[in-house]
Amino acid sequence: MGIIDQKKKRIFIWVPGTGGHDVHPAFRDAVKMICGEDAQILCVEYPATWNMEDSVPKGVKALKKLINEIKWKIDYTTQEVYIGGSSQGAWVISEAYEDPEIASFAHKTVLFGHPGLAKDHAHTYSEKDNVLEFNHPDDPVTYGWSEDRKKMVEAFSRAQKGDAKALCYILWLAIRNPVRLFRFLYIVLIHLGIITWNTSPHDYSQQFPLAVYWLIH
């Protein structure tokens, strides 16, 4: 997992979003288009499930482990490291960056569709202009919530296991926030393929080329 190709000038680390277990194809294509063959992409392996109470901490641990594995193998005179993550992957990165040593490892970092349930966002842990966060204004995943963040994370995790009380709590939140509920349902229908005439505001693949260009410049 942490094998570095010393012939590659640019090393990218990708943290997948919920349900993802590989580098996003559009991100891989963007790296190849802009960097050619002079780049390597490593993918962080973690559960990436809706049980975020379990999945996110494991993702943080996996990202830190990968960084600690490769930081001794990088030739800092000729190589640069960049980190990117989408959705839950962005959440994982933001929590990992609470550790200053981890936060200072990458040359630059990009986050896409950073969940509003995350504790931190780019402006809270980036002292330099080396973290860029892409959040679509109509993406409900990125919205902040007035309810207790920890309680909501626990509810989503329990709901995945079929907990009726957790499902009722989420339904109650939905009733209190009908506009957000509508937007969530809208992107769910898009991802299920029921709505085909529009793209999801939680799909950031069109921003990947711009992000990769920003990373290496």
Protein backbone atom coordinates (compact mmCIF):
# COMPACT_ATOMS: atom_id res chain seq x y z
CA MET A 1 0.00 0.00 0.00
CA GLY A 2 2.84 2.40 0.76
CA ILE A 3 5.22 1.49 -2.07
CA ILE A 4 6.60 4.66 -3.63
CA ASP A 5 7.81 4.82 -7.21
CA GLN A 6 10.98 6.88 -6.91
CA LYS A 7 10.81 7.69 -10.62
CA LYS A 8 7.56 9.62 -10.21
CA LYS A 9 7.84 13.31 -9.37
CA ARG A 10 4.27 13.64 -8.05
CA ILE A 11 2.63 11.32 -5.52
CA PHE A 12 -1.14 11.63 -5.01
CA ILE A 13 -3.06 10.11 -2.10
CA TRP A 14 -6.79 9.64 -2.63
CA VAL A 15 -9.33 9.04 0.18
CA PRO A 16 -12.60 7.66 -1.28
CA GLY A 17 -16.07 8.72 -0.22
CA THR A 18 -18.86 6.54 1.15
CA GLY A 19 -19.07 3.28 -0.78
CA GLY A 20 -15.79 3.91 -2.60
CA HIS A 21 -12.78 1.61 -2.36
CA ASP A 22 -10.61 2.83 -5.19
CA VAL A 23 -9.37 6.05 -6.74
CA HIS A 24 -12.25 7.90 -8.41
CA PRO A 25 -11.90 7.23 -12.17
CA ALA A 26 -12.40 10.92 -13.01
CA PHE A 27 -9.66 11.93 -10.55
CA ARG A 28 -7.33 9.31 -12.01
CA ASP A 29 -8.10 10.62 -15.52
CA ALA A 30 -7.47 14.22 -14.42
CA VAL A 31 -4.09 13.30 -12.94
CA LYS A 32 -3.08 11.44 -16.10
CA MET A 33 -4.29 14.26 -18.36
CA ILE A 34 -2.37 16.96 -16.48
CA CYS A 35 0.66 15.07 -15.15
CA GLY A 36 1.08 12.45 -17.85
CA GLU A 37 3.03 9.41 -16.70
CA ASP A 38 4.99 11.39 -14.10
CA ALA A 39 2.56 10.66 -11.26
CA GLN A 40 1.57 7.87 -8.88
CA ILE A 41 -1.76 7.60 -7.05
CA LEU A 42 -2.17 5.72 -3.78
CA CYS A 43 -5.62 4.93 -2.38
CA VAL A 44 -6.45 4.85 1.34
CA GLU A 45 -8.25 1.63 2.23
CA TYR A 46 -10.94 1.94 4.92
CA PRO A 47 -14.59 0.80 5.37
CA ALA A 48 -16.18 3.93 3.80
CA THR A 49 -19.64 2.84 5.03
CA TRP A 50 -22.70 4.73 6.30
CA ASN A 51 -21.70 3.61 9.79
CA MET A 52 -19.68 6.79 10.03
CA GLU A 53 -19.16 6.47 13.78
CA ASP A 54 -16.96 3.47 12.97
CA SER A 55 -15.86 4.22 9.41
CA VAL A 56 -14.44 7.73 9.83
CA PRO A 57 -12.08 6.89 12.74
CA LYS A 58 -10.85 3.85 10.82
CA GLY A 59 -10.29 6.07 7.79
CA VAL A 60 -8.28 8.52 9.88
CA LYS A 61 -6.17 5.66 11.22
CA ALA A 62 -5.62 4.27 7.71
CA LEU A 63 -4.61 7.66 6.28
CA LYS A 64 -2.18 8.30 9.12
CA LYS A 65 -0.72 4.81 8.71
CA LEU A 66 -0.18 5.34 4.98
CA ILE A 67 1.47 8.72 5.54
CA ASN A 68 3.74 7.31 8.23
CA GLU A 69 4.66 4.44 5.89
CA ILE A 70 5.65 6.60 2.97
CA LYS A 71 7.12 9.71 4.61
CA TRP A 72 10.46 7.93 5.01
CA LYS A 73 10.40 6.77 1.39
CA ILE A 74 9.79 10.12 -0.26
CA ASP A 75 12.71 11.96 -1.81
CA TYR A 76 11.76 15.50 -0.76
CA THR A 77 14.32 17.00 -3.13
CA THR A 78 12.60 15.59 -6.22
CA GLN A 79 9.10 14.48 -5.17
CA GLU A 80 5.94 16.20 -3.89
CA VAL A 81 2.90 14.67 -2.20
CA TYR A 82 -0.71 15.80 -2.68
CA ILE A 83 -3.82 14.55 -0.89
CA GLY A 84 -7.41 14.58 -2.13
CA GLY A 85 -10.67 13.20 -0.83
CA SER A 86 -14.37 13.29 -1.61
CA SER A 87 -17.37 13.31 0.75
CA GLN A 88 -16.57 10.99 3.69
CA GLY A 89 -12.99 10.98 2.39
CA ALA A 90 -12.83 14.75 2.91
CA TRP A 91 -14.18 14.21 6.43
CA VAL A 92 -11.43 11.65 7.10
CA ILE A 93 -8.75 14.07 5.93
CA SER A 94 -10.09 16.93 8.05
CA GLU A 95 -9.99 14.81 11.22
CA ALA A 96 -6.55 13.43 10.41
CA TYR A 97 -5.33 17.01 9.98
CA GLU A 98 -6.02 17.69 13.64
CA ASP A 99 -2.54 16.20 14.00
CA PRO A 100 -0.13 19.01 12.90
CA GLU A 101 2.48 16.52 11.69
CA ILE A 102 -0.05 14.89 9.39
CA ALA A 103 -1.46 18.25 8.24
CA SER A 104 2.01 19.49 7.26
CA PHE A 105 2.96 16.36 5.31
CA ALA A 106 1.26 17.10 1.98
CA HIS A 107 2.38 19.88 -0.30
CA LYS A 108 -1.29 20.69 -1.01
CA THR A 109 -4.70 19.16 -0.26
CA VAL A 110 -8.10 19.26 -1.97
CA LEU A 111 -11.45 18.35 -0.39
CA PHE A 112 -14.66 17.77 -2.36
CA GLY A 113 -18.18 17.79 -0.91
CA HIS A 114 -16.98 18.04 2.68
CA PRO A 115 -19.84 16.73 4.90
CA GLY A 116 -21.45 19.25 7.22
CA LEU A 117 -21.33 16.64 9.99
CA ALA A 118 -17.53 16.83 10.07
CA LYS A 119 -15.96 18.59 13.04
CA ASP A 120 -13.51 20.70 11.04
CA HIS A 121 -13.27 22.34 7.66
CA ALA A 122 -10.38 23.84 5.72
CA HIS A 123 -10.49 27.28 7.27
CA THR A 124 -10.20 25.83 10.78
CA TYR A 125 -6.95 23.90 10.34
CA SER A 126 -5.16 25.43 7.35
CA GLU A 127 -2.77 28.20 8.36
CA LYS A 128 -1.48 28.44 4.81
CA ASP A 129 -3.13 28.54 1.41
CA ASN A 130 -2.43 24.84 0.87
CA VAL A 131 -5.93 23.41 1.39
CA LEU A 132 -8.74 23.99 -1.09
CA GLU A 133 -12.32 22.92 -0.38
CA PHE A 134 -14.92 22.47 -3.15
CA ASN A 135 -18.50 22.62 -1.83
CA HIS A 136 -21.42 23.10 -4.22
CA PRO A 137 -23.98 25.56 -2.76
CA ASP A 138 -26.81 23.11 -3.57
CA ASP A 139 -25.06 20.07 -2.10
CA PRO A 140 -27.03 19.13 1.06
CA VAL A 141 -24.23 16.81 2.23
CA THR A 142 -22.12 19.87 2.95
CA TYR A 143 -24.75 21.77 4.93
CA GLY A 144 -24.13 22.51 8.58
CA TRP A 145 -26.72 21.36 11.11
CA SER A 146 -27.94 23.10 14.26
CA GLU A 147 -28.61 19.75 15.96
CA ASP A 148 -25.96 18.02 18.02
CA ARG A 149 -23.38 16.76 15.50
CA LYS A 150 -22.29 13.74 17.54
CA LYS A 151 -25.90 12.68 18.10
CA MET A 152 -26.61 12.84 14.39
CA VAL A 153 -23.53 10.76 13.53
CA GLU A 154 -24.63 8.15 16.06
CA ALA A 155 -28.15 8.15 14.60
CA PHE A 156 -26.95 7.53 11.05
CA SER A 157 -24.66 4.74 12.28
CA ARG A 158 -27.45 3.06 14.28
CA ALA A 159 -29.96 3.52 11.45
CA GLN A 160 -27.69 1.52 9.14
CA LYS A 161 -28.06 -1.36 11.61
CA GLY A 162 -31.87 -1.06 11.55
CA ASP A 163 -32.33 0.82 14.84
CA ALA A 164 -35.96 2.04 14.80
CA LYS A 165 -35.35 4.88 17.28
CA ALA A 166 -32.51 6.19 15.15
CA LEU A 167 -34.69 6.06 12.04
CA CYS A 168 -37.42 7.99 13.86
CA TYR A 169 -34.88 10.61 14.95
CA ILE A 170 -33.66 11.07 11.38
CA LEU A 171 -37.28 11.31 10.18
CA TRP A 172 -37.96 13.97 12.82
CA LEU A 173 -34.94 15.95 11.58
CA ALA A 174 -36.21 15.61 8.02
CA ILE A 175 -39.63 16.97 8.97
CA ARG A 176 -37.97 19.93 10.67
CA ASN A 177 -35.81 20.60 7.59
CA PRO A 178 -38.05 19.97 4.54
CA VAL A 179 -35.88 21.88 2.07
CA ARG A 180 -32.82 19.87 3.05
CA LEU A 181 -34.86 16.68 2.92
CA PHE A 182 -35.96 17.49 -0.63
CA ARG A 183 -32.39 18.14 -1.72
CA PHE A 184 -31.16 14.93 -0.11
CA LEU A 185 -33.90 12.94 -1.85
CA TYR A 186 -33.03 14.65 -5.12
CA ILE A 187 -29.37 13.54 -5.06
CA VAL A 188 -30.39 10.04 -3.90
CA LEU A 189 -32.69 9.72 -6.93
CA ILE A 190 -29.87 10.88 -9.20
CA HIS A 191 -27.40 8.37 -7.72
CA LEU A 192 -30.00 5.60 -8.06
CA GLY A 193 -30.38 6.46 -11.73
CA ILE A 194 -34.06 7.42 -11.41
CA ILE A 195 -33.32 11.03 -12.37
CA THR A 196 -31.12 11.04 -15.47
CA TRP A 197 -31.57 14.53 -16.89
CA ASN A 198 -29.32 16.29 -14.39
CA THR A 199 -26.08 15.77 -12.51
CA SER A 200 -25.83 15.53 -8.75
CA PRO A 201 -24.56 18.61 -6.88
CA HIS A 202 -22.55 16.06 -4.86
CA ASP A 203 -20.71 15.00 -8.03
CA TYR A 204 -17.47 16.98 -8.19
CA SER A 205 -15.83 15.12 -11.05
CA GLN A 206 -15.96 18.17 -13.32
CA GLN A 207 -13.84 20.06 -10.79
CA PHE A 208 -11.14 17.38 -10.65
CA PRO A 209 -8.99 18.76 -13.52
CA LEU A 210 -9.03 22.25 -12.00
CA ALA A 211 -8.17 20.79 -8.59
CA VAL A 212 -5.26 18.74 -9.93
CA TYR A 213 -3.92 21.77 -11.80
CA TRP A 214 -4.13 23.80 -8.56
CA LEU A 215 -2.39 21.05 -6.61
CA ILE A 216 0.72 20.96 -8.76
CA HIS A 217 1.09 24.75 -9.22
